[in-house]
């Protein structure tokens, strides 16, 4: 395993574990996965040197945090544990209440990194950052992060906090390269971190799927990326991935991950549906791409998404729609918290 070089008290692994799928029905995983497989994946990740574990209050309406916390057990204090709050009503007291609820679900007293899951489309970050600063003073959280923020808003959040906002969690992969425009250069220059979610584009870059063998789960089936025309356009990119993979006795997915974490300021948080997939993801940390290989992948990616690196902003309409959906998830998470035995 390799780790970020940012001088943090705890080591942050370049390959982490994203846990959106823990307890989330939309991924189509079985109850056995939530009850048994997820626990085994977390325990194996610990053995392999993974220290970065990421979740969110709305994943599975709180179930992801519960499953992850139970699986980590006593090891939670030795890892870099991160979760996210969705800023529905970003008042200071609400921020504290939500942080406390996450610690209870995770079974910990302190969060290593507490992130704002999504930029509020109507309210700037002054209020929420005052809440975050209060959490830091109270010793409930160590670092503050954001997610899906533009560089300008990331900087504004840091100014409002009055200290560093360590990380920005964004989608980054060979088919989603907008963070290269300004987030990655800024992070590298100022000892900040870009946490890459969907580094395999939800499996699109794994080589497992094709025009005639598309995924059927709710998350991917609805994605434009998994439509037939996308597979047609990606044939060149997948071909280059396979060529580089053959040179390293690796898989296309491992090469796609190695490309993402090639940048010194990036850590990736792929999910894992099985122990085998976890082990494959972690092994990608040991792959060192040559300059020629990196550039070949870079160029193949640019042919697939030629305008992506230049277009990093979210439309106001999309941001509002996502915020409304997140509000419903927060409400349902809170409802689950009040069910009998929720924190047992």
C-alpha atoms as a PDB file:
ATOM      1  CA  UNK A   1       0.000   0.000   0.000  1.00  0.00           C
ATOM      2  CA  UNK A   2       1.067   3.578  -0.626  1.00  0.00           C
ATOM      3  CA  UNK A   3       0.038   6.558   1.475  1.00  0.00           C
ATOM      4  CA  UNK A   4      -0.458  10.274   0.915  1.00  0.00           C
ATOM      5  CA  UNK A   5       2.465  12.499   1.849  1.00  0.00           C
ATOM      6  CA  UNK A   6       0.692  15.404   3.565  1.00  0.00           C
ATOM      7  CA  UNK A   7       2.038  15.133   7.101  1.00  0.00           C
ATOM      8  CA  UNK A   8      -1.269  14.029   8.623  1.00  0.00           C
ATOM      9  CA  UNK A   9      -1.234  12.415  12.107  1.00  0.00           C
ATOM     10  CA  UNK A  10      -2.817   9.273  10.669  1.00  0.00           C
ATOM     11  CA  UNK A  11      -1.712   7.598   7.458  1.00  0.00           C
ATOM     12  CA  UNK A  12      -4.148   8.009   4.547  1.00  0.00           C
ATOM     13  CA  UNK A  13      -3.930   5.164   2.055  1.00  0.00           C
ATOM     14  CA  UNK A  14      -3.876   5.996  -1.656  1.00  0.00           C
ATOM     15  CA  UNK A  15      -6.504   3.286  -2.162  1.00  0.00           C
ATOM     16  CA  UNK A  16      -9.348   3.456   0.315  1.00  0.00           C
ATOM     17  CA  UNK A  17     -12.734   1.790   0.572  1.00  0.00           C
ATOM     18  CA  UNK A  18     -15.934   3.534  -0.439  1.00  0.00           C
ATOM     19  CA  UNK A  19     -19.029   2.093   1.243  1.00  0.00           C
ATOM     20  CA  UNK A  20     -22.006   3.579  -0.604  1.00  0.00           C
ATOM     21  CA  UNK A  21     -23.104   0.036  -1.429  1.00  0.00           C
ATOM     22  CA  UNK A  22     -23.172  -1.079   2.222  1.00  0.00           C
ATOM     23  CA  UNK A  23     -26.857  -1.521   3.012  1.00  0.00           C
ATOM     24  CA  UNK A  24     -28.025   0.428  -0.052  1.00  0.00           C
ATOM     25  CA  UNK A  25     -30.828  -1.363  -1.881  1.00  0.00           C
ATOM     26  CA  UNK A  26     -30.257   0.519  -5.146  1.00  0.00           C
ATOM     27  CA  UNK A  27     -27.051  -1.431  -5.804  1.00  0.00           C
ATOM     28  CA  UNK A  28     -28.968  -4.705  -5.888  1.00  0.00           C
ATOM     29  CA  UNK A  29     -26.751  -6.511  -3.380  1.00  0.00           C
ATOM     30  CA  UNK A  30     -28.239  -9.229  -1.184  1.00  0.00           C
ATOM     31  CA  UNK A  31     -28.972  -9.090   2.528  1.00  0.00           C
ATOM     32  CA  UNK A  32     -26.095 -11.539   2.970  1.00  0.00           C
ATOM     33  CA  UNK A  33     -23.774  -8.903   1.521  1.00  0.00           C
ATOM     34  CA  UNK A  34     -24.871  -6.386   4.165  1.00  0.00           C
ATOM     35  CA  UNK A  35     -24.808  -8.902   7.007  1.00  0.00           C
ATOM     36  CA  UNK A  36     -21.647 -10.873   6.215  1.00  0.00           C
ATOM     37  CA  UNK A  37     -19.715  -9.942   3.062  1.00  0.00           C
ATOM     38  CA  UNK A  38     -19.315  -6.255   3.908  1.00  0.00           C
ATOM     39  CA  UNK A  39     -17.821  -7.140   7.287  1.00  0.00           C
ATOM     40  CA  UNK A  40     -15.349  -9.551   5.702  1.00  0.00           C
ATOM     41  CA  UNK A  41     -14.359  -6.926   3.109  1.00  0.00           C
ATOM     42  CA  UNK A  42     -13.608  -4.355   5.814  1.00  0.00           C
ATOM     43  CA  UNK A  43     -11.572  -6.800   7.894  1.00  0.00           C
ATOM     44  CA  UNK A  44      -9.527  -7.839   4.848  1.00  0.00           C
ATOM     45  CA  UNK A  45      -8.968  -4.206   3.900  1.00  0.00           C
ATOM     46  CA  UNK A  46      -7.460  -3.608   7.323  1.00  0.00           C
ATOM     47  CA  UNK A  47      -5.116  -6.561   6.840  1.00  0.00           C
ATOM     48  CA  UNK A  48      -3.977  -5.165   3.491  1.00  0.00           C
ATOM     49  CA  UNK A  49      -3.060  -1.755   4.893  1.00  0.00           C
ATOM     50  CA  UNK A  50      -6.122   0.234   3.858  1.00  0.00           C
ATOM     51  CA  UNK A  51      -6.617   3.141   6.267  1.00  0.00           C
ATOM     52  CA  UNK A  52      -9.075   5.375   4.360  1.00  0.00           C
ATOM     53  CA  UNK A  53     -12.703   4.352   4.894  1.00  0.00           C
ATOM     54  CA  UNK A  54     -15.453   6.590   3.548  1.00  0.00           C
ATOM     55  CA  UNK A  55     -19.201   6.611   4.126  1.00  0.00           C
ATOM     56  CA  UNK A  56     -22.085   9.097   4.488  1.00  0.00           C
ATOM     57  CA  UNK A  57     -25.156   9.569   6.620  1.00  0.00           C
ATOM     58  CA  UNK A  58     -27.490   9.098   3.637  1.00  0.00           C
ATOM     59  CA  UNK A  59     -25.916   5.882   2.304  1.00  0.00           C
ATOM     60  CA  UNK A  60     -28.512   3.208   2.930  1.00  0.00           C
ATOM     61  CA  UNK A  61     -30.319   5.739   5.175  1.00  0.00           C
ATOM     62  CA  UNK A  62     -27.620   5.321   7.831  1.00  0.00           C
ATOM     63  CA  UNK A  63     -27.063   1.588   7.363  1.00  0.00           C
ATOM     64  CA  UNK A  64     -23.692   2.089   5.673  1.00  0.00           C
ATOM     65  CA  UNK A  65     -22.333   3.905   8.718  1.00  0.00           C
ATOM     66  CA  UNK A  66     -23.693   1.213  11.044  1.00  0.00           C
ATOM     67  CA  UNK A  67     -22.286  -1.644   8.967  1.00  0.00           C
ATOM     68  CA  UNK A  68     -18.885   0.030   8.603  1.00  0.00           C
ATOM     69  CA  UNK A  69     -18.646   0.931  12.279  1.00  0.00           C
ATOM     70  CA  UNK A  70     -19.528  -2.594  13.379  1.00  0.00           C
ATOM     71  CA  UNK A  71     -17.016  -4.109  10.952  1.00  0.00           C
ATOM     72  CA  UNK A  72     -14.190  -1.803  12.051  1.00  0.00           C
ATOM     73  CA  UNK A  73     -14.830  -2.424  15.738  1.00  0.00           C
ATOM     74  CA  UNK A  74     -11.813  -1.568  17.873  1.00  0.00           C
ATOM     75  CA  UNK A  75      -9.770  -0.814  14.735  1.00  0.00           C
ATOM     76  CA  UNK A  76     -11.782   2.371  14.119  1.00  0.00           C
ATOM     77  CA  UNK A  77      -9.325   4.366  16.192  1.00  0.00           C
ATOM     78  CA  UNK A  78      -6.378   3.411  14.010  1.00  0.00           C
ATOM     79  CA  UNK A  79      -7.864   4.226  10.594  1.00  0.00           C
ATOM     80  CA  UNK A  80      -8.715   7.486   8.830  1.00  0.00           C
ATOM     81  CA  UNK A  81     -12.499   7.380   9.122  1.00  0.00           C
ATOM     82  CA  UNK A  82     -14.549   9.792   7.035  1.00  0.00           C
ATOM     83  CA  UNK A  83     -18.239  10.469   6.637  1.00  0.00           C
ATOM     84  CA  UNK A  84     -20.408  13.148   5.099  1.00  0.00           C
ATOM     85  CA  UNK A  85     -23.413  15.255   6.054  1.00  0.00           C
ATOM     86  CA  UNK A  86     -25.957  16.530   3.552  1.00  0.00           C
ATOM     87  CA  UNK A  87     -26.522  20.279   4.127  1.00  0.00           C
ATOM     88  CA  UNK A  88     -30.305  20.511   4.172  1.00  0.00           C
ATOM     89  CA  UNK A  89     -30.492  23.095   7.003  1.00  0.00           C
ATOM     90  CA  UNK A  90     -26.850  24.077   7.546  1.00  0.00           C
ATOM     91  CA  UNK A  91     -27.197  25.763  10.943  1.00  0.00           C
ATOM     92  CA  UNK A  92     -24.485  25.267  13.572  1.00  0.00           C
ATOM     93  CA  UNK A  93     -26.714  23.334  15.983  1.00  0.00           C
ATOM     94  CA  UNK A  94     -27.988  21.105  13.174  1.00  0.00           C
ATOM     95  CA  UNK A  95     -24.404  20.400  12.051  1.00  0.00           C
ATOM     96  CA  UNK A  96     -23.516  19.263  15.564  1.00  0.00           C
ATOM     97  CA  UNK A  97     -26.645  17.109  15.866  1.00  0.00           C
ATOM     98  CA  UNK A  98     -25.901  15.396  12.577  1.00  0.00           C
ATOM     99  CA  UNK A  99     -22.249  14.808  13.479  1.00  0.00           C
ATOM    100  CA  UNK A 100     -23.243  13.246  16.787  1.00  0.00           C
ATOM    101  CA  UNK A 101     -25.729  10.993  14.999  1.00  0.00           C
ATOM    102  CA  UNK A 102     -22.992   9.809  12.615  1.00  0.00           C
ATOM    103  CA  UNK A 103     -20.596   9.046  15.472  1.00  0.00           C
ATOM    104  CA  UNK A 104     -23.320   7.014  17.170  1.00  0.00           C
ATOM    105  CA  UNK A 105     -24.016   5.015  14.026  1.00  0.00           C
ATOM    106  CA  UNK A 106     -20.284   4.442  13.519  1.00  0.00           C
ATOM    107  CA  UNK A 107     -19.691   3.647  17.180  1.00  0.00           C
ATOM    108  CA  UNK A 108     -16.881   6.185  17.614  1.00  0.00           C
ATOM    109  CA  UNK A 109     -16.260   9.296  19.700  1.00  0.00           C
ATOM    110  CA  UNK A 110     -14.459  11.300  17.022  1.00  0.00           C
ATOM    111  CA  UNK A 111     -14.412  11.604  13.232  1.00  0.00           C
ATOM    112  CA  UNK A 112     -11.114  11.991  11.405  1.00  0.00           C
ATOM    113  CA  UNK A 113     -12.749  13.840   8.515  1.00  0.00           C
ATOM    114  CA  UNK A 114     -16.270  15.299   8.374  1.00  0.00           C
ATOM    115  CA  UNK A 115     -17.331  16.391   4.915  1.00  0.00           C
ATOM    116  CA  UNK A 116     -20.105  18.532   3.459  1.00  0.00           C
ATOM    117  CA  UNK A 117     -21.617  16.102   0.966  1.00  0.00           C
ATOM    118  CA  UNK A 118     -22.889  18.642  -1.528  1.00  0.00           C
ATOM    119  CA  UNK A 119     -22.704  22.411  -1.985  1.00  0.00           C
ATOM    120  CA  UNK A 120     -26.002  23.944  -0.907  1.00  0.00           C
ATOM    121  CA  UNK A 121     -27.480  25.597  -4.016  1.00  0.00           C
ATOM    122  CA  UNK A 122     -29.037  28.520  -2.125  1.00  0.00           C
ATOM    123  CA  UNK A 123     -26.958  29.054   1.028  1.00  0.00           C
ATOM    124  CA  UNK A 124     -23.252  29.809   1.148  1.00  0.00           C
ATOM    125  CA  UNK A 125     -20.934  28.031   3.551  1.00  0.00           C
ATOM    126  CA  UNK A 126     -20.437  30.559   6.343  1.00  0.00           C
ATOM    127  CA  UNK A 127     -23.024  29.062   8.681  1.00  0.00           C
ATOM    128  CA  UNK A 128     -22.065  25.445   8.132  1.00  0.00           C
ATOM    129  CA  UNK A 129     -18.367  26.216   8.545  1.00  0.00           C
ATOM    130  CA  UNK A 130     -19.059  27.935  11.874  1.00  0.00           C
ATOM    131  CA  UNK A 131     -20.681  24.662  12.903  1.00  0.00           C
ATOM    132  CA  UNK A 132     -17.663  22.713  11.686  1.00  0.00           C
ATOM    133  CA  UNK A 133     -15.284  24.978  13.608  1.00  0.00           C
ATOM    134  CA  UNK A 134     -17.330  24.406  16.753  1.00  0.00           C
ATOM    135  CA  UNK A 135     -17.084  20.642  16.222  1.00  0.00           C
ATOM    136  CA  UNK A 136     -13.310  20.925  15.921  1.00  0.00           C
ATOM    137  CA  UNK A 137     -13.067  22.984  19.121  1.00  0.00           C
ATOM    138  CA  UNK A 138     -15.220  20.400  20.919  1.00  0.00           C
ATOM    139  CA  UNK A 139     -12.933  17.589  19.753  1.00  0.00           C
ATOM    140  CA  UNK A 140     -15.720  15.812  17.858  1.00  0.00           C
ATOM    141  CA  UNK A 141     -13.971  16.051  14.471  1.00  0.00           C
ATOM    142  CA  UNK A 142     -10.367  16.463  13.405  1.00  0.00           C
ATOM    143  CA  UNK A 143     -10.407  17.629   9.776  1.00  0.00           C
ATOM    144  CA  UNK A 144     -13.087  19.294   7.642  1.00  0.00           C
ATOM    145  CA  UNK A 145     -13.727  18.355   4.024  1.00  0.00           C
ATOM    146  CA  UNK A 146     -16.142  19.132   1.229  1.00  0.00           C
ATOM    147  CA  UNK A 147     -17.506  17.129  -1.673  1.00  0.00           C
ATOM    148  CA  UNK A 148     -18.518  18.092  -5.209  1.00  0.00           C
ATOM    149  CA  UNK A 149     -17.228  21.646  -4.701  1.00  0.00           C
ATOM    150  CA  UNK A 150     -15.718  23.895  -7.352  1.00  0.00           C
ATOM    151  CA  UNK A 151     -12.297  25.329  -6.561  1.00  0.00           C
ATOM    152  CA  UNK A 152     -13.782  28.772  -5.880  1.00  0.00           C
ATOM    153  CA  UNK A 153     -16.298  27.356  -3.422  1.00  0.00           C
ATOM    154  CA  UNK A 154     -13.656  25.136  -1.790  1.00  0.00           C
ATOM    155  CA  UNK A 155     -11.526  28.214  -1.175  1.00  0.00           C
ATOM    156  CA  UNK A 156     -14.525  30.172   0.103  1.00  0.00           C
ATOM    157  CA  UNK A 157     -15.349  27.358   2.540  1.00  0.00           C
ATOM    158  CA  UNK A 158     -11.773  27.418   3.811  1.00  0.00           C
ATOM    159  CA  UNK A 159     -11.917  31.166   4.301  1.00  0.00           C
ATOM    160  CA  UNK A 160     -15.197  30.803   6.206  1.00  0.00           C
ATOM    161  CA  UNK A 161     -13.726  28.059   8.402  1.00  0.00           C
ATOM    162  CA  UNK A 162     -10.603  30.071   9.158  1.00  0.00           C
ATOM    163  CA  UNK A 163      -8.334  27.038   8.700  1.00  0.00           C
ATOM    164  CA  UNK A 164      -7.706  24.362   6.123  1.00  0.00           C
ATOM    165  CA  UNK A 165     -10.474  22.383   4.497  1.00  0.00           C
ATOM    166  CA  UNK A 166      -8.363  19.323   3.935  1.00  0.00           C
ATOM    167  CA  UNK A 167     -10.158  17.599   1.089  1.00  0.00           C
ATOM    168  CA  UNK A 168     -12.622  17.785  -1.759  1.00  0.00           C
ATOM    169  CA  UNK A 169     -14.288  14.511  -2.714  1.00  0.00           C
ATOM    170  CA  UNK A 170     -15.182  14.513  -6.405  1.00  0.00           C
ATOM    171  CA  UNK A 171     -15.733  12.105  -9.244  1.00  0.00           C
ATOM    172  CA  UNK A 172     -12.424  11.482 -11.012  1.00  0.00           C
ATOM    173  CA  UNK A 173     -11.582   8.755 -13.492  1.00  0.00           C
ATOM    174  CA  UNK A 174     -10.453   8.197 -17.054  1.00  0.00           C
ATOM    175  CA  UNK A 175     -13.961   9.162 -18.202  1.00  0.00           C
ATOM    176  CA  UNK A 176     -14.453  12.077 -15.789  1.00  0.00           C
ATOM    177  CA  UNK A 177     -11.441  14.349 -15.758  1.00  0.00           C
ATOM    178  CA  UNK A 178     -12.755  17.799 -14.889  1.00  0.00           C
ATOM    179  CA  UNK A 179     -10.796  17.919 -11.574  1.00  0.00           C
ATOM    180  CA  UNK A 180      -7.619  18.277 -13.644  1.00  0.00           C
ATOM    181  CA  UNK A 181      -8.695  21.763 -14.693  1.00  0.00           C
ATOM    182  CA  UNK A 182      -7.954  23.382 -11.324  1.00  0.00           C
ATOM    183  CA  UNK A 183      -8.695  21.123  -8.334  1.00  0.00           C
ATOM    184  CA  UNK A 184      -5.669  18.850  -8.726  1.00  0.00           C
ATOM    185  CA  UNK A 185      -3.090  21.620  -9.316  1.00  0.00           C
ATOM    186  CA  UNK A 186      -4.419  23.567  -6.319  1.00  0.00           C
ATOM    187  CA  UNK A 187      -4.474  20.519  -4.054  1.00  0.00           C
ATOM    188  CA  UNK A 188      -0.891  19.631  -4.910  1.00  0.00           C
ATOM    189  CA  UNK A 189       0.310  23.188  -4.413  1.00  0.00           C
ATOM    190  CA  UNK A 190      -1.318  23.620  -0.990  1.00  0.00           C
ATOM    191  CA  UNK A 191      -1.026  20.135   0.598  1.00  0.00           C
ATOM    192  CA  UNK A 192      -4.710  19.410   0.177  1.00  0.00           C
ATOM    193  CA  UNK A 193      -6.326  16.164  -0.965  1.00  0.00           C
ATOM    194  CA  UNK A 194      -8.678  15.223  -3.768  1.00  0.00           C
ATOM    195  CA  UNK A 195     -10.591  12.084  -2.810  1.00  0.00           C
ATOM    196  CA  UNK A 196     -11.682  10.400  -6.027  1.00  0.00           C
ATOM    197  CA  UNK A 197     -15.040   8.660  -5.912  1.00  0.00           C
ATOM    198  CA  UNK A 198     -16.132   6.427  -8.797  1.00  0.00           C
ATOM    199  CA  UNK A 199     -12.491   5.990  -9.934  1.00  0.00           C
ATOM    200  CA  UNK A 200     -13.639   3.050 -12.066  1.00  0.00           C
ATOM    201  CA  UNK A 201     -16.706   4.975 -13.270  1.00  0.00           C
ATOM    202  CA  UNK A 202     -18.920   2.531 -11.329  1.00  0.00           C
ATOM    203  CA  UNK A 203     -17.290  -0.399 -13.134  1.00  0.00           C
ATOM    204  CA  UNK A 204     -17.443   1.034 -16.659  1.00  0.00           C
ATOM    205  CA  UNK A 205     -13.635   0.893 -16.882  1.00  0.00           C
ATOM    206  CA  UNK A 206     -13.341  -2.644 -15.529  1.00  0.00           C
ATOM    207  CA  UNK A 207     -13.933  -4.316 -18.894  1.00  0.00           C
ATOM    208  CA  UNK A 208     -16.717  -6.425 -17.321  1.00  0.00           C
ATOM    209  CA  UNK A 209     -19.524  -4.698 -19.186  1.00  0.00           C
ATOM    210  CA  UNK A 210     -20.268  -4.189 -22.862  1.00  0.00           C
ATOM    211  CA  UNK A 211     -23.097  -3.158 -25.187  1.00  0.00           C
ATOM    212  CA  UNK A 212     -24.704  -6.602 -24.936  1.00  0.00           C
ATOM    213  CA  UNK A 213     -23.900  -7.201 -21.228  1.00  0.00           C
ATOM    214  CA  UNK A 214     -24.922  -4.057 -19.391  1.00  0.00           C
ATOM    215  CA  UNK A 215     -25.480  -3.897 -15.602  1.00  0.00           C
ATOM    216  CA  UNK A 216     -29.016  -4.275 -14.287  1.00  0.00           C
ATOM    217  CA  UNK A 217     -28.823  -2.593 -10.862  1.00  0.00           C
ATOM    218  CA  UNK A 218     -30.702   0.659 -10.407  1.00  0.00           C
ATOM    219  CA  UNK A 219     -27.671   2.915 -10.066  1.00  0.00           C
ATOM    220  CA  UNK A 220     -25.850   1.931 -13.239  1.00  0.00           C
ATOM    221  CA  UNK A 221     -28.790   0.976 -15.437  1.00  0.00           C
ATOM    222  CA  UNK A 222     -30.040   4.558 -15.243  1.00  0.00           C
ATOM    223  CA  UNK A 223     -26.635   6.096 -15.999  1.00  0.00           C
ATOM    224  CA  UNK A 224     -25.987   7.598 -19.409  1.00  0.00           C
ATOM    225  CA  UNK A 225     -22.487   6.151 -19.234  1.00  0.00           C
ATOM    226  CA  UNK A 226     -23.833   2.592 -19.438  1.00  0.00           C
ATOM    227  CA  UNK A 227     -25.917   3.142 -22.562  1.00  0.00           C
ATOM    228  CA  UNK A 228     -24.916   1.245 -25.756  1.00  0.00           C
ATOM    229  CA  UNK A 229     -23.443   4.282 -27.493  1.00  0.00           C
ATOM    230  CA  UNK A 230     -21.019   4.867 -24.624  1.00  0.00           C
ATOM    231  CA  UNK A 231     -19.615   1.361 -24.959  1.00  0.00           C
ATOM    232  CA  UNK A 232     -19.164   1.935 -28.688  1.00  0.00           C
ATOM    233  CA  UNK A 233     -17.215   5.143 -28.078  1.00  0.00           C
ATOM    234  CA  UNK A 234     -15.123   3.572 -25.303  1.00  0.00           C
ATOM    235  CA  UNK A 235     -13.716   0.707 -27.359  1.00  0.00           C
ATOM    236  CA  UNK A 236     -10.441   2.587 -28.003  1.00  0.00           C
ATOM    237  CA  UNK A 237     -10.004   3.494 -24.319  1.00  0.00           C
ATOM    238  CA  UNK A 238     -10.782  -0.031 -23.100  1.00  0.00           C
ATOM    239  CA  UNK A 239      -8.361  -1.373 -25.689  1.00  0.00           C
ATOM    240  CA  UNK A 240      -5.520   0.794 -24.370  1.00  0.00           C
ATOM    241  CA  UNK A 241      -6.384  -0.233 -20.808  1.00  0.00           C
ATOM    242  CA  UNK A 242      -6.103  -3.877 -21.810  1.00  0.00           C
ATOM    243  CA  UNK A 243      -2.746  -3.306 -23.532  1.00  0.00           C
ATOM    244  CA  UNK A 244      -1.235  -1.597 -20.483  1.00  0.00           C
ATOM    245  CA  UNK A 245      -2.783  -4.220 -18.209  1.00  0.00           C
ATOM    246  CA  UNK A 246      -1.137  -7.017 -20.180  1.00  0.00           C
ATOM    247  CA  UNK A 247       2.246  -5.332 -19.762  1.00  0.00           C
ATOM    248  CA  UNK A 248       1.798  -5.376 -15.966  1.00  0.00           C
ATOM    249  CA  UNK A 249       0.047  -8.757 -15.682  1.00  0.00           C
ATOM    250  CA  UNK A 250      -2.856  -6.780 -14.273  1.00  0.00           C
ATOM    251  CA  UNK A 251      -6.508  -6.109 -15.058  1.00  0.00           C
ATOM    252  CA  UNK A 252      -7.987  -3.073 -16.832  1.00  0.00           C
ATOM    253  CA  UNK A 253      -9.598  -2.028 -13.534  1.00  0.00           C
ATOM    254  CA  UNK A 254      -6.246  -2.056 -11.751  1.00  0.00           C
ATOM    255  CA  UNK A 255      -4.678   0.075 -14.470  1.00  0.00           C
ATOM    256  CA  UNK A 256      -7.577   2.544 -14.326  1.00  0.00           C
ATOM    257  CA  UNK A 257      -7.041   2.868 -10.570  1.00  0.00           C
ATOM    258  CA  UNK A 258      -3.278   3.187 -10.952  1.00  0.00           C
ATOM    259  CA  UNK A 259      -3.874   6.042 -13.412  1.00  0.00           C
ATOM    260  CA  UNK A 260      -6.120   7.903 -10.950  1.00  0.00           C
ATOM    261  CA  UNK A 261      -3.727   7.682  -7.992  1.00  0.00           C
ATOM    262  CA  UNK A 262      -0.722   8.525 -10.179  1.00  0.00           C
ATOM    263  CA  UNK A 263      -1.299  12.132  -9.117  1.00  0.00           C
ATOM    264  CA  UNK A 264       0.369  12.782  -5.738  1.00  0.00           C
ATOM    265  CA  UNK A 265      -2.627  14.655  -4.265  1.00  0.00           C
ATOM    266  CA  UNK A 266      -5.206  11.968  -5.078  1.00  0.00           C
ATOM    267  CA  UNK A 267      -6.563   9.084  -3.007  1.00  0.00           C
ATOM    268  CA  UNK A 268      -9.243   6.856  -4.533  1.00  0.00           C
ATOM    269  CA  UNK A 269     -12.171   5.180  -2.779  1.00  0.00           C
ATOM    270  CA  UNK A 270     -13.487   2.398  -5.037  1.00  0.00           C
ATOM    271  CA  UNK A 271     -16.230   0.191  -3.683  1.00  0.00           C
ATOM    272  CA  UNK A 272     -15.946  -3.578  -3.522  1.00  0.00           C
ATOM    273  CA  UNK A 273     -18.653  -6.160  -4.123  1.00  0.00           C
ATOM    274  CA  UNK A 274     -16.454  -9.057  -3.017  1.00  0.00           C
ATOM    275  CA  UNK A 275     -13.233  -9.932  -1.249  1.00  0.00           C
ATOM    276  CA  UNK A 276     -11.618 -10.621  -4.615  1.00  0.00           C
ATOM    277  CA  UNK A 277     -12.516  -7.182  -5.920  1.00  0.00           C
ATOM    278  CA  UNK A 278     -11.151  -5.530  -2.802  1.00  0.00           C
ATOM    279  CA  UNK A 279      -7.843  -7.384  -3.128  1.00  0.00           C
ATOM    280  CA  UNK A 280      -7.625  -6.443  -6.790  1.00  0.00           C
ATOM    281  CA  UNK A 281      -8.271  -2.778  -5.989  1.00  0.00           C
ATOM    282  CA  UNK A 282      -5.642  -2.692  -3.263  1.00  0.00           C
ATOM    283  CA  UNK A 283      -3.056  -4.358  -5.498  1.00  0.00           C
ATOM    284  CA  UNK A 284      -3.413  -1.442  -7.913  1.00  0.00           C
ATOM    285  CA  UNK A 285      -1.516   0.723  -5.415  1.00  0.00           C
ATOM    286  CA  UNK A 286       1.643  -1.210  -6.254  1.00  0.00           C
ATOM    287  CA  UNK A 287       1.437  -0.572 -10.010  1.00  0.00           C
ATOM    288  CA  UNK A 288       3.757   2.160 -11.249  1.00  0.00           C
ATOM    289  CA  UNK A 289       2.837   3.401 -14.701  1.00  0.00           C
ATOM    290  CA  UNK A 290       5.594   4.590 -16.991  1.00  0.00           C
ATOM    291  CA  UNK A 291       5.320   8.069 -18.469  1.00  0.00           C
ATOM    292  CA  UNK A 292       4.515   6.570 -21.867  1.00  0.00           C
ATOM    293  CA  UNK A 293       1.761   4.386 -20.401  1.00  0.00           C
ATOM    294  CA  UNK A 294       0.264   7.291 -18.468  1.00  0.00           C
ATOM    295  CA  UNK A 295       0.226   9.472 -21.568  1.00  0.00           C
ATOM    296  CA  UNK A 296      -1.274   6.711 -23.746  1.00  0.00           C
ATOM    297  CA  UNK A 297      -4.153   6.375 -21.283  1.00  0.00           C
ATOM    298  CA  UNK A 298      -4.433  10.144 -21.005  1.00  0.00           C
ATOM    299  CA  UNK A 299      -4.796  10.503 -24.773  1.00  0.00           C
ATOM    300  CA  UNK A 300      -7.255   7.618 -25.123  1.00  0.00           C
ATOM    301  CA  UNK A 301      -9.332   9.184 -22.372  1.00  0.00           C
ATOM    302  CA  UNK A 302      -9.269  12.559 -24.118  1.00  0.00           C
ATOM    303  CA  UNK A 303     -10.600  10.951 -27.285  1.00  0.00           C
ATOM    304  CA  UNK A 304     -13.500   9.486 -25.290  1.00  0.00           C
ATOM    305  CA  UNK A 305     -14.374  12.706 -23.400  1.00  0.00           C
ATOM    306  CA  UNK A 306     -12.648  15.576 -25.280  1.00  0.00           C
ATOM    307  CA  UNK A 307     -14.495  18.387 -23.452  1.00  0.00           C
ATOM    308  CA  UNK A 308     -14.550  16.931 -19.963  1.00  0.00           C
ATOM    309  CA  UNK A 309     -11.404  18.534 -18.566  1.00  0.00           C
ATOM    310  CA  UNK A 310     -12.680  21.959 -19.598  1.00  0.00           C
ATOM    311  CA  UNK A 311     -16.138  21.570 -18.073  1.00  0.00           C
ATOM    312  CA  UNK A 312     -16.021  21.213 -14.310  1.00  0.00           C
ATOM    313  CA  UNK A 313     -19.051  23.177 -13.144  1.00  0.00           C
ATOM    314  CA  UNK A 314     -22.421  21.822 -12.061  1.00  0.00           C
ATOM    315  CA  UNK A 315     -25.541  23.403 -13.484  1.00  0.00           C
ATOM    316  CA  UNK A 316     -27.785  25.194 -10.993  1.00  0.00           C
ATOM    317  CA  UNK A 317     -30.702  23.021 -12.075  1.00  0.00           C
ATOM    318  CA  UNK A 318     -28.765  19.809 -11.447  1.00  0.00           C
ATOM    319  CA  UNK A 319     -27.508  21.025  -8.076  1.00  0.00           C
ATOM    320  CA  UNK A 320     -31.020  21.939  -6.937  1.00  0.00           C
ATOM    321  CA  UNK A 321     -32.449  18.620  -8.101  1.00  0.00           C
ATOM    322  CA  UNK A 322     -29.720  16.695  -6.282  1.00  0.00           C
ATOM    323  CA  UNK A 323     -30.241  18.742  -3.114  1.00  0.00           C
ATOM    324  CA  UNK A 324     -33.960  17.962  -3.104  1.00  0.00           C
ATOM    325  CA  UNK A 325     -33.204  14.255  -3.465  1.00  0.00           C
ATOM    326  CA  UNK A 326     -30.649  14.483  -0.665  1.00  0.00           C
ATOM    327  CA  UNK A 327     -33.197  16.154   1.594  1.00  0.00           C
ATOM    328  CA  UNK A 328     -35.475  13.137   1.261  1.00  0.00           C
ATOM    329  CA  UNK A 329     -32.565  10.802   2.066  1.00  0.00           C
ATOM    330  CA  UNK A 330     -31.695  12.798   5.193  1.00  0.00           C
ATOM    331  CA  UNK A 331     -35.296  12.684   6.362  1.00  0.00           C
ATOM    332  CA  UNK A 332     -35.429   8.922   5.918  1.00  0.00           C
ATOM    333  CA  UNK A 333     -32.056   8.497   7.665  1.00  0.00           C
ATOM    334  CA  UNK A 334     -33.406  10.446  10.650  1.00  0.00           C
ATOM    335  CA  UNK A 335     -36.560   8.330  10.668  1.00  0.00           C
ATOM    336  CA  UNK A 336     -34.447   5.148  10.762  1.00  0.00           C
ATOM    337  CA  UNK A 337     -32.476   6.580  13.705  1.00  0.00           C
ATOM    338  CA  UNK A 338     -35.676   6.791  15.737  1.00  0.00           C
ATOM    339  CA  UNK A 339     -36.739   3.207  15.106  1.00  0.00           C
ATOM    340  CA  UNK A 340     -36.503   0.951  18.183  1.00  0.00           C
ATOM    341  CA  UNK A 341     -33.020  -0.561  18.594  1.00  0.00           C
ATOM    342  CA  UNK A 342     -31.432   1.713  15.970  1.00  0.00           C
ATOM    343  CA  UNK A 343     -28.242   2.225  17.989  1.00  0.00           C
ATOM    344  CA  UNK A 344     -27.998  -1.179  19.619  1.00  0.00           C
END
